[in-house]
């Protein structure tokens, strides 16, 4: 007795699923990165002097070289690290922003909608 099982449909479905999930993760990541950028810029705990620290903040969303998906917000001034880590955390906004957005981002990934509220 010969038994032949055709799994082509299953394999095609798995490829479709992986593609759809990647698109969902990337969409949620882009939305979260944009929201984090806006949030950080609007809720910074310091008073602007030049506006450069605020203006150069950027939400990021990308696959790194290790194949990990990275979502966050960055400061692009040489002194951004001092605002974030110095002064006893008084002027920190980047890490608090990520912590604020992380639960909603993870819920959106679990939901599969690709939208972070």
N, C-alpha and C. Protein backbone atom coordinates (compact mmCIF):
# COMPACT_ATOMS: atom_id res chain seq x y z
N UNK A 1 0.84 -1.17 0.00
CA UNK A 1 0.00 0.00 0.00
C UNK A 1 0.89 1.24 0.00
N UNK A 2 0.64 2.12 -0.93
CA UNK A 2 1.37 3.38 -1.03
C UNK A 2 0.51 4.51 -0.49
N UNK A 3 1.15 5.35 0.27
CA UNK A 3 0.44 6.51 0.83
C UNK A 3 1.20 7.76 0.41
N UNK A 4 0.52 8.64 -0.25
CA UNK A 4 1.14 9.88 -0.70
C UNK A 4 0.40 11.05 -0.05
N UNK A 5 1.16 11.87 0.61
CA UNK A 5 0.58 13.04 1.26
C UNK A 5 1.14 14.28 0.58
N UNK A 6 0.26 15.11 0.08
CA UNK A 6 0.67 16.35 -0.59
C UNK A 6 0.59 17.50 0.43
N UNK A 7 1.75 18.03 0.76
CA UNK A 7 1.78 19.11 1.75
C UNK A 7 2.08 20.47 1.11
N UNK A 8 1.97 20.54 -0.21
CA UNK A 8 2.24 21.80 -0.90
C UNK A 8 1.35 22.93 -0.38
N UNK A 9 0.09 22.63 -0.16
CA UNK A 9 -0.84 23.64 0.36
C UNK A 9 -0.45 24.12 1.75
N UNK A 10 -0.01 23.19 2.58
CA UNK A 10 0.42 23.54 3.94
C UNK A 10 1.65 24.43 3.88
N UNK A 11 2.62 24.06 3.05
CA UNK A 11 3.84 24.87 2.93
C UNK A 11 3.53 26.26 2.39
N UNK A 12 2.68 26.34 1.39
CA UNK A 12 2.29 27.64 0.84
C UNK A 12 1.59 28.49 1.91
N UNK A 13 0.76 27.84 2.71
CA UNK A 13 0.08 28.55 3.79
C UNK A 13 1.05 29.06 4.84
N UNK A 14 2.06 28.27 5.16
CA UNK A 14 3.07 28.70 6.14
C UNK A 14 3.87 29.89 5.61
N UNK A 15 4.21 29.87 4.34
CA UNK A 15 4.94 30.99 3.74
C UNK A 15 4.07 32.24 3.77
N UNK A 16 2.79 32.10 3.42
CA UNK A 16 1.86 33.23 3.47
C UNK A 16 1.74 33.78 4.88
N UNK A 17 1.63 32.88 5.85
CA UNK A 17 1.51 33.28 7.25
C UNK A 17 2.75 34.06 7.70
N UNK A 18 3.94 33.54 7.36
CA UNK A 18 5.19 34.22 7.75
C UNK A 18 5.27 35.60 7.10
N UNK A 19 4.86 35.70 5.85
CA UNK A 19 4.88 36.99 5.15
C UNK A 19 3.89 37.95 5.79
N UNK A 20 2.69 37.47 6.08
CA UNK A 20 1.67 38.32 6.71
C UNK A 20 2.10 38.78 8.10
N UNK A 21 2.69 37.88 8.87
CA UNK A 21 3.13 38.25 10.22
C UNK A 21 4.27 39.25 10.18
N UNK A 22 5.19 39.09 9.24
CA UNK A 22 6.28 40.05 9.09
C UNK A 22 5.71 41.42 8.76
N UNK A 23 4.76 41.48 7.85
CA UNK A 23 4.14 42.75 7.48
C UNK A 23 3.42 43.36 8.67
N UNK A 24 2.76 42.55 9.48
CA UNK A 24 2.05 43.03 10.66
C UNK A 24 3.04 43.60 11.68
N UNK A 25 4.12 42.89 11.92
CA UNK A 25 5.12 43.36 12.88
C UNK A 25 5.74 44.67 12.40
N UNK A 26 6.07 44.75 11.13
CA UNK A 26 6.67 45.96 10.58
C UNK A 26 5.70 47.14 10.63
N UNK A 27 4.43 46.90 10.34
CA UNK A 27 3.43 47.96 10.41
C UNK A 27 3.27 48.47 11.84
N UNK A 28 3.15 47.55 12.79
CA UNK A 28 3.04 47.94 14.19
C UNK A 28 4.30 48.68 14.63
N UNK A 29 5.46 48.24 14.17
CA UNK A 29 6.71 48.90 14.51
C UNK A 29 6.80 50.31 13.97
N UNK A 30 6.40 50.51 12.72
CA UNK A 30 6.41 51.86 12.14
C UNK A 30 5.48 52.79 12.91
N UNK A 31 4.29 52.28 13.24
CA UNK A 31 3.33 53.11 13.99
C UNK A 31 3.85 53.43 15.38
N UNK A 32 4.44 52.45 16.05
CA UNK A 32 4.99 52.67 17.38
C UNK A 32 6.15 53.66 17.33
N UNK A 33 7.04 53.51 16.36
CA UNK A 33 8.19 54.41 16.23
C UNK A 33 7.73 55.85 16.01
N UNK A 34 6.75 56.01 15.16
CA UNK A 34 6.21 57.36 14.90
C UNK A 34 5.56 57.93 16.16
N UNK A 35 4.79 57.12 16.85
CA UNK A 35 4.16 57.57 18.09
C UNK A 35 5.18 57.89 19.16
N UNK A 36 6.24 57.09 19.26
CA UNK A 36 7.28 57.35 20.26
C UNK A 36 8.00 58.66 19.95
N UNK A 37 8.28 58.90 18.69
CA UNK A 37 8.94 60.15 18.31
C UNK A 37 8.09 61.35 18.71
N UNK A 38 6.82 61.32 18.35
CA UNK A 38 5.92 62.42 18.71
C UNK A 38 5.81 62.59 20.22
N UNK A 39 5.65 61.48 20.92
CA UNK A 39 5.50 61.52 22.37
C UNK A 39 6.74 62.12 23.03
N UNK A 40 7.92 61.64 22.62
CA UNK A 40 9.16 62.13 23.22
C UNK A 40 9.36 63.62 22.96
N UNK A 41 9.07 64.05 21.74
CA UNK A 41 9.24 65.46 21.40
C UNK A 41 8.27 66.34 22.18
N UNK A 42 7.06 65.86 22.40
CA UNK A 42 6.04 66.67 23.08
C UNK A 42 6.08 66.58 24.60
N UNK A 43 6.79 65.60 25.13
CA UNK A 43 6.81 65.39 26.59
C UNK A 43 8.20 65.48 27.19
N UNK A 44 9.14 66.06 26.47
CA UNK A 44 10.50 66.20 26.98
C UNK A 44 10.45 67.01 28.28
N UNK A 45 11.26 66.63 29.27
CA UNK A 45 11.21 67.30 30.56
C UNK A 45 12.13 68.52 30.66
N UNK A 46 12.75 68.92 29.59
CA UNK A 46 13.63 70.09 29.62
C UNK A 46 13.02 71.22 28.83
N UNK A 47 13.53 72.41 29.06
CA UNK A 47 13.15 73.59 28.29
C UNK A 47 14.13 73.73 27.14
N UNK A 48 13.61 73.83 25.93
CA UNK A 48 14.47 73.99 24.76
C UNK A 48 15.32 75.25 24.87
N UNK A 49 16.57 75.11 24.48
CA UNK A 49 17.45 76.27 24.31
C UNK A 49 17.58 76.52 22.81
N UNK A 50 18.10 75.51 22.10
CA UNK A 50 18.25 75.63 20.65
C UNK A 50 17.17 74.84 19.91
N UNK A 51 16.55 73.88 20.58
CA UNK A 51 15.55 73.02 19.94
C UNK A 51 16.17 71.83 19.22
N UNK A 52 17.50 71.73 19.20
CA UNK A 52 18.16 70.66 18.45
C UNK A 52 17.92 69.28 19.04
N UNK A 53 17.96 69.17 20.36
CA UNK A 53 17.75 67.85 20.98
C UNK A 53 16.36 67.33 20.63
N UNK A 54 15.36 68.19 20.71
CA UNK A 54 13.99 67.79 20.38
C UNK A 54 13.85 67.51 18.88
N UNK A 55 14.36 68.41 18.07
CA UNK A 55 14.20 68.31 16.62
C UNK A 55 14.88 67.06 16.05
N UNK A 56 15.98 66.63 16.65
CA UNK A 56 16.73 65.49 16.09
C UNK A 56 16.32 64.14 16.70
N UNK A 57 15.34 64.12 17.60
CA UNK A 57 14.83 62.84 18.09
C UNK A 57 14.16 62.12 16.92
N UNK A 58 14.32 60.81 16.89
CA UNK A 58 13.78 60.05 15.76
C UNK A 58 13.29 58.68 16.22
N UNK A 59 12.07 58.35 15.82
CA UNK A 59 11.56 57.01 16.04
C UNK A 59 12.24 56.06 15.06
N UNK A 60 12.63 54.89 15.53
CA UNK A 60 13.32 53.93 14.67
C UNK A 60 12.58 52.60 14.66
N UNK A 61 12.67 51.94 13.52
CA UNK A 61 12.01 50.66 13.32
C UNK A 61 12.77 49.96 12.20
N UNK A 62 13.50 48.88 12.54
CA UNK A 62 14.31 48.21 11.53
C UNK A 62 14.71 46.81 12.00
N UNK A 63 15.06 45.98 11.05
CA UNK A 63 15.66 44.68 11.34
C UNK A 63 17.16 44.90 11.46
N UNK A 64 17.78 44.41 12.53
CA UNK A 64 19.22 44.58 12.67
C UNK A 64 19.96 43.43 11.98
N UNK A 65 21.28 43.45 12.04
CA UNK A 65 22.09 42.45 11.35
C UNK A 65 21.92 41.05 11.92
N UNK A 66 21.44 40.96 13.16
CA UNK A 66 21.21 39.65 13.77
C UNK A 66 19.80 39.12 13.47
N UNK A 67 19.04 39.85 12.66
CA UNK A 67 17.69 39.42 12.32
C UNK A 67 16.66 39.76 13.38
N UNK A 68 17.02 40.63 14.31
CA UNK A 68 16.09 41.06 15.36
C UNK A 68 15.39 42.33 14.93
N UNK A 69 14.16 42.45 15.30
CA UNK A 69 13.38 43.64 14.96
C UNK A 69 13.52 44.64 16.10
N UNK A 70 13.97 45.84 15.77
CA UNK A 70 14.25 46.87 16.77
C UNK A 70 13.29 48.04 16.57
N UNK A 71 12.63 48.43 17.65
CA UNK A 71 11.72 49.58 17.62
C UNK A 71 12.07 50.46 18.80
N UNK A 72 12.18 51.75 18.57
CA UNK A 72 12.50 52.65 19.68
C UNK A 72 12.54 54.09 19.23
N UNK A 73 13.19 54.89 20.05
CA UNK A 73 13.35 56.31 19.76
C UNK A 73 14.78 56.69 20.13
N UNK A 74 15.41 57.51 19.30
CA UNK A 74 16.80 57.89 19.50
C UNK A 74 16.94 59.41 19.58
N UNK A 75 18.01 59.84 20.26
CA UNK A 75 18.40 61.24 20.27
C UNK A 75 19.68 61.35 19.47
N UNK A 76 19.77 62.34 18.59
CA UNK A 76 20.90 62.42 17.67
C UNK A 76 21.83 63.61 17.90
N UNK A 77 21.78 64.21 19.06
CA UNK A 77 22.74 65.26 19.38
C UNK A 77 23.86 64.65 20.23
N UNK A 78 25.07 65.18 20.12
CA UNK A 78 26.16 64.63 20.93
C UNK A 78 25.85 64.63 22.43
N UNK A 79 25.05 65.57 22.88
CA UNK A 79 24.72 65.66 24.31
C UNK A 79 23.44 64.92 24.69
N UNK A 80 22.82 64.24 23.73
CA UNK A 80 21.59 63.50 24.04
C UNK A 80 21.81 62.45 25.12
N UNK A 81 22.96 61.81 25.12
CA UNK A 81 23.26 60.80 26.13
C UNK A 81 23.29 61.43 27.53
N UNK A 82 23.75 62.67 27.64
CA UNK A 82 23.80 63.33 28.94
C UNK A 82 22.40 63.71 29.41
N UNK A 83 21.55 64.13 28.48
CA UNK A 83 20.16 64.41 28.84
C UNK A 83 19.49 63.13 29.35
N UNK A 84 19.78 62.04 28.70
CA UNK A 84 19.12 60.78 29.02
C UNK A 84 19.67 60.13 30.30
N UNK A 85 20.97 60.15 30.47
CA UNK A 85 21.59 59.40 31.56
C UNK A 85 22.14 60.26 32.69
N UNK A 86 22.36 61.53 32.42
CA UNK A 86 22.94 62.40 33.44
C UNK A 86 21.89 63.07 34.30
N UNK A 87 22.35 63.89 35.20
CA UNK A 87 21.48 64.72 36.04
C UNK A 87 20.48 63.88 36.84
N UNK A 88 20.88 62.67 37.20
CA UNK A 88 20.01 61.80 37.98
C UNK A 88 18.74 61.40 37.26
N UNK A 89 18.76 61.44 35.93
CA UNK A 89 17.58 61.06 35.14
C UNK A 89 16.53 62.14 35.02
N UNK A 90 16.84 63.33 35.54
CA UNK A 90 15.87 64.44 35.55
C UNK A 90 15.37 64.80 34.14
N UNK A 91 16.22 64.66 33.12
CA UNK A 91 15.85 65.06 31.76
C UNK A 91 15.64 63.87 30.82
N UNK A 92 15.55 62.69 31.37
CA UNK A 92 15.37 61.48 30.58
C UNK A 92 13.99 61.47 29.93
N UNK A 93 13.95 61.15 28.63
CA UNK A 93 12.67 61.00 27.93
C UNK A 93 12.67 59.77 27.02
N UNK A 94 13.82 59.35 26.51
CA UNK A 94 13.84 58.25 25.54
C UNK A 94 13.43 56.93 26.18
N UNK A 95 14.08 56.54 27.27
CA UNK A 95 13.72 55.28 27.93
C UNK A 95 12.29 55.32 28.49
N UNK A 96 11.87 56.42 29.15
CA UNK A 96 10.48 56.46 29.61
C UNK A 96 9.47 56.35 28.46
N UNK A 97 9.82 56.88 27.31
CA UNK A 97 8.92 56.79 26.15
C UNK A 97 8.78 55.34 25.70
N UNK A 98 9.91 54.64 25.61
CA UNK A 98 9.86 53.22 25.20
C UNK A 98 9.05 52.42 26.21
N UNK A 99 9.27 52.67 27.49
CA UNK A 99 8.51 51.95 28.53
C UNK A 99 7.02 52.27 28.45
N UNK A 100 6.69 53.49 28.09
CA UNK A 100 5.28 53.89 27.95
C UNK A 100 4.61 53.15 26.78
N UNK A 101 5.34 52.99 25.68
CA UNK A 101 4.76 52.40 24.47
C UNK A 101 4.85 50.88 24.41
N UNK A 102 5.76 50.28 25.15
CA UNK A 102 5.99 48.83 25.03
C UNK A 102 4.74 47.98 25.25
N UNK A 103 3.95 48.22 26.31
CA UNK A 103 2.77 47.35 26.50
C UNK A 103 1.78 47.41 25.34
N UNK A 104 1.51 48.61 24.82
CA UNK A 104 0.57 48.72 23.70
C UNK A 104 1.13 48.07 22.45
N UNK A 105 2.43 48.22 22.23
CA UNK A 105 3.07 47.60 21.07
C UNK A 105 2.95 46.07 21.15
N UNK A 106 3.24 45.52 22.29
CA UNK A 106 3.14 44.07 22.46
C UNK A 106 1.70 43.58 22.31
N UNK A 107 0.75 44.34 22.82
CA UNK A 107 -0.67 43.96 22.64
C UNK A 107 -1.07 43.98 21.17
N UNK A 108 -0.57 44.97 20.43
CA UNK A 108 -0.88 45.03 19.00
C UNK A 108 -0.28 43.85 18.25
N UNK A 109 0.91 43.44 18.66
CA UNK A 109 1.51 42.26 18.02
C UNK A 109 0.67 41.03 18.32
N UNK A 110 0.20 40.91 19.55
CA UNK A 110 -0.63 39.77 19.92
C UNK A 110 -1.97 39.81 19.19
N UNK A 111 -2.51 41.02 19.01
CA UNK A 111 -3.78 41.21 18.32
C UNK A 111 -3.65 40.94 16.82
N UNK A 112 -2.47 41.26 16.27
CA UNK A 112 -2.24 41.03 14.85
C UNK A 112 -2.77 42.11 13.94
N UNK A 113 -3.23 43.21 14.52
CA UNK A 113 -3.82 44.27 13.67
C UNK A 113 -2.77 45.18 13.07
N UNK A 114 -1.58 45.28 13.68
CA UNK A 114 -0.55 46.17 13.17
C UNK A 114 -0.76 47.61 13.53
N UNK A 115 -1.69 47.89 14.45
CA UNK A 115 -1.94 49.28 14.85
C UNK A 115 -1.63 49.44 16.34
N UNK A 116 -0.82 50.44 16.66
CA UNK A 116 -0.53 50.76 18.05
C UNK A 116 -1.31 52.01 18.40
N UNK A 117 -2.10 51.91 19.45
CA UNK A 117 -2.91 53.07 19.85
C UNK A 117 -2.19 53.88 20.89
